[in-house]
Amino acid sequence: MATFSKALILAIIFALVTVIAGVLHAAPWTDTPWQRVLLGLGSLGCFGFLLGGIFAFDPASDLKIKPSAIGRMAFGIAAALMLSALWHWPVAGAALAALISAVLGYFGMLWADHVNF
């Protein structure tokens, strides 16, 4: 249980950092309504949560807590379900997002190394 809580804290930190990066990058200075800005920041938070789960459970990560493909996939599915709830996607869209995020979680650092913030 301690491993899960450490991974959850790391994923939340990644989500917060991603949201802060989005705010500092462009959000308040655009002519976009605040509802859309908040949806965009929530989406960035879900992406950060996915990255945090990958970094927490990938053996190639310097921040790893425990190597686990199932952990990466579970955090990917959780991020996709949060994103689909945020955007009110239908069940088919949520299932597709969960499948894509699970695959991204499984491959982990193979693709996450190429994300440039």
N, C-alpha and C. Protein backbone atom coordinates (compact mmCIF):
# COMPACT_ATOMS: atom_id res chain seq x y z
N MET A 1 0.82 -1.19 0.00
CA MET A 1 0.00 0.00 0.00
C MET A 1 0.87 1.26 0.00
N ALA A 2 2.03 1.20 0.63
CA ALA A 2 2.91 2.36 0.67
C ALA A 2 3.42 2.68 -0.73
N THR A 3 3.64 1.65 -1.54
CA THR A 3 4.09 1.86 -2.92
C THR A 3 3.04 2.62 -3.72
N PHE A 4 1.78 2.23 -3.55
CA PHE A 4 0.70 2.89 -4.28
C PHE A 4 0.57 4.34 -3.84
N SER A 5 0.66 4.60 -2.56
CA SER A 5 0.51 5.99 -2.09
C SER A 5 1.67 6.86 -2.58
N LYS A 6 2.88 6.31 -2.61
CA LYS A 6 4.02 7.07 -3.14
C LYS A 6 3.83 7.35 -4.62
N ALA A 7 3.37 6.36 -5.36
CA ALA A 7 3.14 6.54 -6.80
C ALA A 7 2.01 7.54 -7.04
N LEU A 8 0.97 7.49 -6.22
CA LEU A 8 -0.14 8.42 -6.35
C LEU A 8 0.33 9.86 -6.08
N ILE A 9 1.14 10.04 -5.06
CA ILE A 9 1.68 11.37 -4.75
C ILE A 9 2.54 11.87 -5.91
N LEU A 10 3.38 11.00 -6.46
CA LEU A 10 4.22 11.40 -7.59
C LEU A 10 3.37 11.77 -8.80
N ALA A 11 2.32 11.00 -9.07
CA ALA A 11 1.45 11.29 -10.20
C ALA A 11 0.71 12.61 -10.00
N ILE A 12 0.28 12.89 -8.79
CA ILE A 12 -0.41 14.15 -8.51
C ILE A 12 0.56 15.32 -8.65
N ILE A 13 1.79 15.15 -8.21
CA ILE A 13 2.79 16.21 -8.38
C ILE A 13 3.03 16.47 -9.86
N PHE A 14 3.14 15.42 -10.66
CA PHE A 14 3.31 15.59 -12.11
C PHE A 14 2.10 16.30 -12.70
N ALA A 15 0.90 15.94 -12.25
CA ALA A 15 -0.31 16.60 -12.76
C ALA A 15 -0.30 18.09 -12.42
N LEU A 16 0.07 18.43 -11.19
CA LEU A 16 0.11 19.84 -10.78
C LEU A 16 1.17 20.61 -11.56
N VAL A 17 2.32 20.02 -11.75
CA VAL A 17 3.38 20.69 -12.50
C VAL A 17 2.95 20.91 -13.95
N THR A 18 2.26 19.95 -14.52
CA THR A 18 1.78 20.10 -15.89
C THR A 18 0.74 21.21 -15.99
N VAL A 19 -0.15 21.28 -15.02
CA VAL A 19 -1.15 22.35 -15.01
C VAL A 19 -0.48 23.71 -14.85
N ILE A 20 0.47 23.80 -13.95
CA ILE A 20 1.20 25.06 -13.74
C ILE A 20 1.94 25.47 -15.01
N ALA A 21 2.54 24.49 -15.69
CA ALA A 21 3.21 24.79 -16.95
C ALA A 21 2.22 25.32 -17.99
N GLY A 22 1.03 24.74 -18.02
CA GLY A 22 0.00 25.22 -18.94
C GLY A 22 -0.44 26.64 -18.62
N VAL A 23 -0.59 26.94 -17.33
CA VAL A 23 -0.98 28.29 -16.92
C VAL A 23 0.10 29.29 -17.29
N LEU A 24 1.33 28.96 -17.01
CA LEU A 24 2.42 29.88 -17.30
C LEU A 24 2.68 30.02 -18.80
N HIS A 25 2.29 29.02 -19.55
CA HIS A 25 2.57 29.05 -20.98
C HIS A 25 1.61 29.93 -21.75
N ALA A 26 0.28 29.72 -21.54
CA ALA A 26 -0.64 30.45 -22.40
C ALA A 26 -2.01 30.74 -21.82
N ALA A 27 -2.48 29.97 -20.87
CA ALA A 27 -3.89 29.99 -20.51
C ALA A 27 -4.48 31.37 -20.20
N PRO A 28 -3.97 32.13 -19.25
CA PRO A 28 -4.68 33.36 -18.90
C PRO A 28 -4.54 34.48 -19.93
N TRP A 29 -3.61 34.36 -20.84
CA TRP A 29 -3.36 35.45 -21.78
C TRP A 29 -4.05 35.26 -23.12
N THR A 30 -4.93 34.29 -23.20
CA THR A 30 -5.66 34.08 -24.45
C THR A 30 -7.05 34.70 -24.33
N ASP A 31 -7.75 34.77 -25.44
CA ASP A 31 -9.13 35.29 -25.44
C ASP A 31 -10.14 34.16 -25.32
N THR A 32 -9.74 33.08 -24.71
CA THR A 32 -10.59 31.91 -24.55
C THR A 32 -11.44 32.06 -23.28
N PRO A 33 -12.70 31.63 -23.32
CA PRO A 33 -13.51 31.70 -22.09
C PRO A 33 -12.91 30.82 -20.98
N TRP A 34 -13.15 31.22 -19.75
CA TRP A 34 -12.54 30.52 -18.61
C TRP A 34 -12.97 29.07 -18.51
N GLN A 35 -14.17 28.74 -18.95
CA GLN A 35 -14.60 27.35 -18.91
C GLN A 35 -13.71 26.49 -19.80
N ARG A 36 -13.38 26.98 -20.97
CA ARG A 36 -12.50 26.24 -21.87
C ARG A 36 -11.09 26.18 -21.32
N VAL A 37 -10.65 27.26 -20.69
CA VAL A 37 -9.32 27.27 -20.08
C VAL A 37 -9.23 26.21 -18.98
N LEU A 38 -10.27 26.15 -18.14
CA LEU A 38 -10.27 25.16 -17.06
C LEU A 38 -10.33 23.73 -17.61
N LEU A 39 -11.09 23.52 -18.68
CA LEU A 39 -11.11 22.19 -19.31
C LEU A 39 -9.73 21.83 -19.86
N GLY A 40 -9.07 22.81 -20.46
CA GLY A 40 -7.72 22.56 -20.97
C GLY A 40 -6.74 22.26 -19.86
N LEU A 41 -6.84 23.00 -18.76
CA LEU A 41 -5.93 22.74 -17.63
C LEU A 41 -6.23 21.38 -16.99
N GLY A 42 -7.51 21.01 -16.92
CA GLY A 42 -7.85 19.68 -16.42
C GLY A 42 -7.30 18.58 -17.32
N SER A 43 -7.35 18.82 -18.62
CA SER A 43 -6.80 17.86 -19.57
C SER A 43 -5.29 17.72 -19.40
N LEU A 44 -4.62 18.86 -19.21
CA LEU A 44 -3.18 18.81 -18.95
C LEU A 44 -2.88 18.07 -17.65
N GLY A 45 -3.74 18.27 -16.66
CA GLY A 45 -3.56 17.55 -15.39
C GLY A 45 -3.69 16.04 -15.57
N CYS A 46 -4.63 15.62 -16.40
CA CYS A 46 -4.77 14.18 -16.67
C CYS A 46 -3.55 13.63 -17.39
N PHE A 47 -3.01 14.41 -18.33
CA PHE A 47 -1.80 13.99 -19.03
C PHE A 47 -0.62 13.91 -18.05
N GLY A 48 -0.52 14.88 -17.16
CA GLY A 48 0.54 14.85 -16.15
C GLY A 48 0.38 13.67 -15.22
N PHE A 49 -0.87 13.31 -14.88
CA PHE A 49 -1.12 12.14 -14.04
C PHE A 49 -0.63 10.87 -14.74
N LEU A 50 -0.89 10.77 -16.04
CA LEU A 50 -0.40 9.63 -16.82
C LEU A 50 1.13 9.58 -16.79
N LEU A 51 1.77 10.72 -17.03
CA LEU A 51 3.24 10.75 -17.01
C LEU A 51 3.79 10.42 -15.63
N GLY A 52 3.14 10.91 -14.59
CA GLY A 52 3.58 10.60 -13.23
C GLY A 52 3.51 9.11 -12.93
N GLY A 53 2.43 8.47 -13.39
CA GLY A 53 2.31 7.02 -13.21
C GLY A 53 3.37 6.26 -13.97
N ILE A 54 3.71 6.76 -15.15
CA ILE A 54 4.77 6.11 -15.93
C ILE A 54 6.11 6.26 -15.23
N PHE A 55 6.42 7.46 -14.79
CA PHE A 55 7.70 7.67 -14.12
C PHE A 55 7.77 6.92 -12.79
N ALA A 56 6.64 6.69 -12.14
CA ALA A 56 6.64 5.97 -10.86
C ALA A 56 6.88 4.48 -11.01
N PHE A 57 6.46 3.91 -12.14
CA PHE A 57 6.50 2.46 -12.28
C PHE A 57 7.39 1.94 -13.40
N ASP A 58 8.11 2.80 -14.10
CA ASP A 58 8.94 2.34 -15.21
C ASP A 58 10.35 2.03 -14.73
N PRO A 59 10.90 0.88 -15.08
CA PRO A 59 12.25 0.53 -14.63
C PRO A 59 13.33 1.46 -15.18
N ALA A 60 13.06 2.14 -16.31
CA ALA A 60 14.06 3.03 -16.90
C ALA A 60 14.04 4.43 -16.28
N SER A 61 13.09 4.69 -15.39
CA SER A 61 12.94 6.02 -14.80
C SER A 61 13.87 6.21 -13.60
N ASP A 62 14.37 7.43 -13.46
CA ASP A 62 15.18 7.76 -12.28
C ASP A 62 14.30 7.94 -11.05
N LEU A 63 13.01 8.17 -11.23
CA LEU A 63 12.09 8.40 -10.12
C LEU A 63 11.28 7.17 -9.74
N LYS A 64 11.64 6.02 -10.28
CA LYS A 64 10.80 4.82 -10.09
C LYS A 64 10.66 4.46 -8.62
N ILE A 65 9.47 4.02 -8.29
CA ILE A 65 9.17 3.53 -6.95
C ILE A 65 9.24 2.01 -6.97
N LYS A 66 8.65 1.42 -8.00
CA LYS A 66 8.69 -0.03 -8.18
C LYS A 66 8.40 -0.32 -9.66
N PRO A 67 9.20 -1.13 -10.32
CA PRO A 67 8.90 -1.45 -11.72
C PRO A 67 7.63 -2.29 -11.84
N SER A 68 6.67 -1.81 -12.62
CA SER A 68 5.42 -2.55 -12.77
C SER A 68 4.68 -2.07 -14.02
N ALA A 69 4.51 -2.96 -14.98
CA ALA A 69 3.73 -2.62 -16.18
C ALA A 69 2.26 -2.46 -15.83
N ILE A 70 1.77 -3.28 -14.90
CA ILE A 70 0.37 -3.18 -14.48
C ILE A 70 0.11 -1.83 -13.81
N GLY A 71 1.04 -1.35 -13.01
CA GLY A 71 0.90 -0.04 -12.37
C GLY A 71 0.83 1.08 -13.39
N ARG A 72 1.70 1.02 -14.41
CA ARG A 72 1.68 2.04 -15.46
C ARG A 72 0.36 2.01 -16.21
N MET A 73 -0.11 0.82 -16.52
CA MET A 73 -1.37 0.69 -17.24
C MET A 73 -2.55 1.16 -16.39
N ALA A 74 -2.53 0.86 -15.10
CA ALA A 74 -3.61 1.28 -14.21
C ALA A 74 -3.67 2.80 -14.10
N PHE A 75 -2.52 3.45 -13.98
CA PHE A 75 -2.50 4.91 -13.92
C PHE A 75 -2.94 5.50 -15.26
N GLY A 76 -2.60 4.85 -16.37
CA GLY A 76 -3.05 5.31 -17.67
C GLY A 76 -4.57 5.22 -17.81
N ILE A 77 -5.13 4.12 -17.35
CA ILE A 77 -6.59 3.96 -17.41
C ILE A 77 -7.27 4.98 -16.51
N ALA A 78 -6.72 5.21 -15.32
CA ALA A 78 -7.30 6.20 -14.41
C ALA A 78 -7.25 7.60 -15.02
N ALA A 79 -6.15 7.94 -15.66
CA ALA A 79 -6.03 9.25 -16.31
C ALA A 79 -7.06 9.38 -17.44
N ALA A 80 -7.25 8.32 -18.21
CA ALA A 80 -8.21 8.35 -19.32
C ALA A 80 -9.64 8.47 -18.80
N LEU A 81 -9.95 7.79 -17.71
CA LEU A 81 -11.30 7.88 -17.16
C LEU A 81 -11.57 9.26 -16.58
N MET A 82 -10.56 9.87 -15.95
CA MET A 82 -10.73 11.24 -15.46
C MET A 82 -10.94 12.20 -16.63
N LEU A 83 -10.17 12.01 -17.69
CA LEU A 83 -10.31 12.87 -18.87
C LEU A 83 -11.67 12.71 -19.53
N SER A 84 -12.13 11.48 -19.63
CA SER A 84 -13.44 11.25 -20.26
C SER A 84 -14.58 11.79 -19.40
N ALA A 85 -14.44 11.74 -18.09
CA ALA A 85 -15.45 12.34 -17.21
C ALA A 85 -15.43 13.85 -17.32
N LEU A 86 -14.26 14.42 -17.45
CA LEU A 86 -14.11 15.87 -17.57
C LEU A 86 -14.77 16.39 -18.84
N TRP A 87 -14.60 15.68 -19.93
CA TRP A 87 -15.14 16.11 -21.22
C TRP A 87 -16.51 15.50 -21.53
N HIS A 88 -17.06 14.68 -20.64
CA HIS A 88 -18.38 14.06 -20.81
C HIS A 88 -18.44 13.21 -22.08
N TRP A 89 -17.42 12.39 -22.29
CA TRP A 89 -17.40 11.51 -23.45
C TRP A 89 -18.37 10.36 -23.25
N PRO A 90 -18.91 9.81 -24.33
CA PRO A 90 -19.76 8.61 -24.20
C PRO A 90 -18.91 7.40 -23.79
N VAL A 91 -19.58 6.34 -23.46
CA VAL A 91 -18.90 5.14 -22.96
C VAL A 91 -17.88 4.62 -23.98
N ALA A 92 -18.23 4.65 -25.26
CA ALA A 92 -17.30 4.17 -26.29
C ALA A 92 -16.05 5.04 -26.34
N GLY A 93 -16.20 6.34 -26.19
CA GLY A 93 -15.04 7.23 -26.17
C GLY A 93 -14.18 7.00 -24.95
N ALA A 94 -14.82 6.78 -23.80
CA ALA A 94 -14.06 6.51 -22.58
C ALA A 94 -13.30 5.19 -22.70
N ALA A 95 -13.94 4.19 -23.28
CA ALA A 95 -13.27 2.89 -23.46
C ALA A 95 -12.08 3.00 -24.41
N LEU A 96 -12.24 3.75 -25.49
CA LEU A 96 -11.14 3.94 -26.43
C LEU A 96 -9.99 4.71 -25.77
N ALA A 97 -10.33 5.75 -25.01
CA ALA A 97 -9.30 6.52 -24.31
C ALA A 97 -8.58 5.64 -23.29
N ALA A 98 -9.32 4.78 -22.59
CA ALA A 98 -8.70 3.89 -21.61
C ALA A 98 -7.77 2.89 -22.30
N LEU A 99 -8.18 2.38 -23.45
CA LEU A 99 -7.33 1.45 -24.20
C LEU A 99 -6.05 2.13 -24.66
N ILE A 100 -6.17 3.33 -25.22
CA ILE A 100 -4.99 4.06 -25.69
C ILE A 100 -4.06 4.39 -24.53
N SER A 101 -4.62 4.84 -23.42
CA SER A 101 -3.79 5.18 -22.26
C SER A 101 -3.14 3.95 -21.64
N ALA A 102 -3.84 2.83 -21.67
CA ALA A 102 -3.24 1.59 -21.16
C ALA A 102 -2.05 1.18 -22.02
N VAL A 103 -2.18 1.34 -23.33
CA VAL A 103 -1.07 1.02 -24.23
C VAL A 103 0.09 1.98 -24.00
N LEU A 104 -0.22 3.27 -23.86
CA LEU A 104 0.83 4.25 -23.57
C LEU A 104 1.50 3.94 -22.23
N GLY A 105 0.71 3.55 -21.24
CA GLY A 105 1.28 3.18 -19.95
C GLY A 105 2.16 1.94 -20.06
N TYR A 106 1.73 0.97 -20.86
CA TYR A 106 2.52 -0.24 -21.02
C TYR A 106 3.89 0.06 -21.63
N PHE A 107 3.90 0.89 -22.68
CA PHE A 107 5.16 1.21 -23.32
C PHE A 107 5.99 2.21 -22.52
N GLY A 108 5.39 2.92 -21.63
CA GLY A 108 6.08 3.75 -20.65
C GLY A 108 7.12 4.70 -21.20
N MET A 109 8.34 4.53 -20.75
CA MET A 109 9.42 5.45 -21.06
C MET A 109 9.83 5.41 -22.53
N LEU A 110 9.39 4.41 -23.27
CA LEU A 110 9.73 4.36 -24.70
C LEU A 110 9.19 5.58 -25.43
N TRP A 111 8.02 6.07 -25.03
CA TRP A 111 7.48 7.26 -25.67
C TRP A 111 7.57 8.48 -24.75
N ALA A 112 7.55 8.30 -23.45
CA ALA A 112 7.53 9.43 -22.52
C ALA A 112 8.85 10.22 -22.55
N ASP A 113 9.94 9.59 -22.93
CA ASP A 113 11.20 10.30 -23.05
C ASP A 113 11.17 11.38 -24.13
N HIS A 114 10.26 11.23 -25.09
CA HIS A 114 10.21 12.14 -26.22
C HIS A 114 9.26 13.32 -26.00
N VAL A 115 8.57 13.35 -24.86
CA VAL A 115 7.68 14.47 -24.54
C VAL A 115 8.55 15.62 -24.06
N ASN A 116 8.41 16.76 -24.71
CA ASN A 116 9.27 17.91 -24.41
C ASN A 116 8.42 19.03 -23.83
N PHE A 117 8.69 19.39 -22.59
CA PHE A 117 8.00 20.51 -21.96
C PHE A 117 8.93 21.67 -21.93
